[in-house]
Each structure stands twice: as C-alpha cells, then as structure tokens.
Protein backbone atom coordinates (compact mmCIF):
# COMPACT_ATOMS: atom_id res chain seq x y z
CA MET A 1 -11.32 55.19 43.77
CA ASP A 2 -7.56 53.72 44.56
CA ILE A 3 -6.36 52.22 41.24
CA ARG A 4 -4.93 49.46 43.99
CA GLU A 5 -7.89 47.81 44.52
CA TRP A 6 -8.24 46.28 41.04
CA LEU A 7 -4.97 44.93 41.09
CA PRO A 8 -5.13 40.99 40.42
CA ARG A 9 -5.65 38.74 43.15
CA ASP A 10 -3.97 35.92 42.13
CA LYS A 11 -2.59 34.67 38.18
CA TYR A 12 -5.47 34.13 36.90
CA ASP A 13 -7.07 37.81 37.38
CA VAL A 14 -7.33 39.04 33.62
CA LYS A 15 -10.57 40.70 34.28
CA ALA A 16 -8.54 43.07 36.34
CA VAL A 17 -5.93 43.05 34.41
CA ARG A 18 -8.45 44.01 31.67
CA LYS A 19 -9.69 47.05 33.93
CA LEU A 20 -6.34 48.43 34.48
CA SER A 21 -5.79 49.34 30.93
CA GLU A 22 -9.09 51.29 31.51
CA PHE A 23 -6.61 53.61 33.29
CA SER A 24 -4.13 56.18 31.86
CA ASP A 25 -0.64 55.75 31.99
CA ALA A 26 -0.11 58.50 35.04
CA GLU A 27 -2.60 56.40 37.20
CA LEU A 28 -0.57 52.75 35.58
CA LYS A 29 2.84 54.18 36.63
CA GLU A 30 1.65 55.07 40.26
CA ILE A 31 1.46 50.45 40.51
CA ILE A 32 4.56 49.43 37.69
CA PRO A 33 6.45 47.68 40.59
CA GLU A 34 3.09 45.50 41.73
CA LEU A 35 2.78 45.08 38.56
CA MET A 36 6.14 43.47 37.55
CA GLU A 37 5.58 40.89 40.04
CA TRP A 38 3.02 39.30 38.37
CA LEU A 39 5.74 38.63 35.55
CA GLN A 40 7.76 36.09 37.89
CA ASP A 41 6.14 33.28 35.82
CA GLY A 42 5.54 33.68 32.26
CA ASN A 43 3.53 30.52 32.64
CA TRP A 44 0.85 32.22 35.13
CA PRO A 45 -2.24 33.25 32.73
CA ILE A 46 -1.95 36.49 33.92
CA SER A 47 1.41 37.16 33.10
CA LYS A 48 0.78 37.74 29.12
CA PRO A 49 -1.68 40.62 29.71
CA VAL A 50 0.22 42.13 32.20
CA GLU A 51 3.48 42.66 29.39
CA ASP A 52 1.19 43.87 26.93
CA LEU A 53 -0.01 46.73 29.98
CA LEU A 54 3.33 47.79 30.68
CA LEU A 55 4.31 47.79 27.17
CA ARG A 56 2.57 51.42 27.27
CA PHE A 57 5.42 52.48 29.22
CA GLY A 58 8.89 51.77 27.10
CA GLU A 59 11.48 53.41 28.70
CA GLU A 60 10.02 54.11 31.82
CA LEU A 61 10.32 50.34 32.34
CA ILE A 62 13.87 50.37 32.41
CA PRO A 63 14.55 51.25 36.34
CA HIS A 64 11.99 48.13 37.03
CA ILE A 65 13.65 46.05 34.89
CA HIS A 66 16.94 47.07 36.37
CA ASN A 67 15.33 46.24 39.74
CA VAL A 68 14.53 42.82 38.74
CA PHE A 69 17.88 41.70 37.79
CA GLU A 70 19.08 43.49 41.21
CA THR A 71 17.14 40.74 43.01
CA LYS A 72 18.95 38.19 41.11
CA ASP A 73 15.81 36.21 41.05
CA SER A 74 16.93 34.17 37.61
CA THR A 75 13.15 31.91 37.73
CA TRP A 76 12.04 36.26 37.27
CA GLU A 77 14.85 37.12 34.65
CA TYR A 78 14.57 34.40 32.69
CA PHE A 79 10.57 35.06 32.17
CA MET A 80 11.78 38.91 32.11
CA LEU A 81 13.97 38.60 29.39
CA VAL A 82 11.84 35.77 27.26
CA GLY A 83 8.73 38.14 27.42
CA LEU A 84 8.78 42.14 28.35
CA ILE A 85 12.53 42.87 27.64
CA SER A 86 12.50 40.66 23.96
CA ARG A 87 9.09 42.59 23.38
CA LEU A 88 11.04 46.03 24.02
CA PRO A 89 12.13 48.16 20.85
CA ILE A 90 16.07 47.73 20.44
CA THR A 91 16.47 51.40 21.82
CA TYR A 92 15.69 50.07 25.72
CA LEU A 93 17.96 47.73 24.67
CA VAL A 94 20.53 49.07 24.82
CA LEU A 95 20.16 50.44 27.92
CA LEU A 96 19.86 47.66 29.77
CA GLN A 97 23.22 46.22 28.59
CA THR A 98 25.19 46.61 31.45
CA ASP A 99 22.62 43.83 33.17
CA PHE A 100 23.13 41.97 30.54
CA GLU A 101 26.98 42.13 30.89
CA ARG A 102 26.86 41.22 34.59
CA ILE A 103 24.87 38.81 33.82
CA LEU A 104 27.53 37.09 30.77
CA LYS A 105 30.37 37.74 32.87
CA PHE A 106 29.54 37.75 36.42
CA PRO A 107 26.38 35.24 37.13
CA THR A 108 25.52 33.48 40.00
CA PRO A 109 25.14 29.78 40.17
CA CYS A 110 21.06 30.23 39.58
CA GLU A 111 21.70 32.18 36.81
CA VAL A 112 23.60 29.88 35.32
CA LEU A 113 21.48 27.15 36.32
CA GLU A 114 18.77 29.42 34.02
CA GLU A 115 21.33 28.89 30.67
CA LEU A 116 20.28 33.48 30.75
CA ASP A 117 23.87 33.80 29.21
CA GLU A 118 21.78 32.14 26.34
CA ILE A 119 19.31 34.34 26.18
CA ILE A 120 21.17 37.38 26.35
CA ILE A 121 23.89 36.69 23.73
CA GLU A 122 20.80 36.62 21.29
CA LEU A 123 19.76 39.91 22.67
CA MET A 124 23.87 41.27 22.65
CA ASP A 125 23.11 40.37 18.88
CA LYS A 126 20.56 42.06 18.44
CA ILE A 127 22.14 45.37 19.92
CA LYS A 128 25.42 44.79 18.61
CA SER A 129 23.25 44.66 14.57
CA TYR A 130 21.43 47.77 15.62
CA GLN A 131 24.92 49.50 16.81
CA LEU A 132 26.61 48.52 13.69
CA LYS A 133 23.75 50.25 11.70
CA LEU A 134 23.67 54.05 13.31
C-alpha cells in the first residue's frame, strides 16, 4: 500500500490524518513535506491533527520548517509559528534561531504585515531563558 493514497484530499479530511497516524514514523517520514502543506492555514480543521502527527518527528522537522521560511509565504510562516513551532521543545527552537533572526532583521513587507516579529520575540525570549539556564 502506498502511503500517499492516504494523504488528505481536502482541509476537512481528518479521517485521512487518523489513518496516517497508524503508520510507522519510517513510513510517514517520506510524506513530511506534503503534510507540512496542510499547515498553511491554521484555521483549517485538518491543521491541528496534522501538527499532532508531525510532532512525532521532533528534530527531523527542522529542515522542513527551514523550507517553509524560505518560501517567504508570510501567512504560512505565521501559522507555523503560532502552531507547530510554538509546540516544539525549546531545544528545537534553538535550531530555528537563524530563521528567527533573519525575519527580525530583514523581514519581507508581508512578514511585517503579518507581525511575525511579535511572535518571534516571544520565542527568542524562551530561547534566551533556556540558554541562561545552561
């Protein structure tokens, strides 16, 4: 069975996400990029269940999150920041610090409009607190 057959068909396809949760991490790993696309709008009913599924991967998500930041799709970045990224352990936030700093120092006009800096400042404060405890 090809795991891609179980990819969600639309933003309401929570049943597909439940089915995907039955697959092993090794099987799911190959469709992480496709799953990340369902986080483009945190208002979609499928968004939170997909986040829950992706959180199984921890540090393996970091390159995929970097890819989202490279799209400079500020809406997608926003929903990633307030959703999946805000739910990651602090040790993984540290690995995103370069992306955060780029947005703070050199935001695109759309990133400014989305007010990503406000969210990132909170995340950076968490990172600083964590680093002070080390």
